[in-house]
């Protein structure tokens, strides 16, 4: 594309370079009338609100589009709006149309680089984001996006360098802080720095699940399990039904398991053995369906987290009378699942305590 006098914009593209996936299935035969109509409609849709006037001409080999910009809306804004709606094909197409006439525009390169990065076209993403940074050294968001693209290419040293520069430019930029902390964790060093940056990230982005999950993982890696658990609980509280929340639940389960075993390394927990014995005795009086209902209800309660290591935490069940601690609930769940679905892993290992309980029951103790 080239920019001509009077602000006339011109795009020329070979017919066979046009992405047929942008057209309806029945209009993908170049040279057909349906193809011509669909291409004209496509560009009319793309230029709506952007162009004051436009023309589309198609011959056997070339598609030629001309337009004059509308004063009502900048074309980059139109492209960004498409990207924000998840319409990457349209957004990228508009930005690529703009590129020859706005080669020195950092925002065009930034948005195109962001789109390519999200689409997994990381080499193109890096090229455009580096161009955006070269054009505007103060463009912090471009530096953050470039750091993310490097990280996605697993070039963590380069990612750390550019993200550190972004933080120096804008010390309160939560996304720069979050991504720098994550990259330092990938590098496997500077654990204290990773925690420091991620702690600042959650201050700047208090409702960001990714920042809180990163902080939880960093604290867990450093052995600070209590504060890691706090961070993972925050992830779940923010949005309990996301993949990030599921990861946080798994991490909390690992922390609970580690804390559970900390008291007596390699041995059994006598209190858990007693709870398993109580469960075996109780379930012996119940039907298989009743046992299953107890196990399923406890598993449902566990989706919101069960505090295993605090005896002061109390729980109630609809399927079983009484008041239970978190450890009691897990013991009852473990025993229940062993009876109706022994192949399933409840995410908490009580096989030693369960085995000891069965031995005691067999001995009549």
Foldseek 3Di string as FASTA:
>chain_A
DEADPPRKAKDKDWPVVDDLVLFPPVQSDPPDPSVVVRVVVSVCVLCVVFFPDKDWDDDRTMIMIMGHGDPRDHSLVSLVVCVVVVNLVSSLVSLVSCCVHPVLALSSLQVNLLSCLVVVVLVSNLVSLVSSCVSPVLPLSSLLSNLVSCVVVVVLVVSLVSLVSSCVSPVQPLSSLQSNLVSCVVVVDPLVSSLVSLVSSCVSVVLDLSSLQSNLVSCVVVVNNVVSLVSLLSSCVSPVPDPSNVVSLLSNLVSQQCVVCVVPPPAADVVLLVLLLVLVVVCVPDDLVLLVVLLVQLLVVCSSPARQPDQVDWDQDPSDDDIDHSSSSVSSNQNSCCVVPVVDDSSHDNPNSNVVNVVCVVVVD
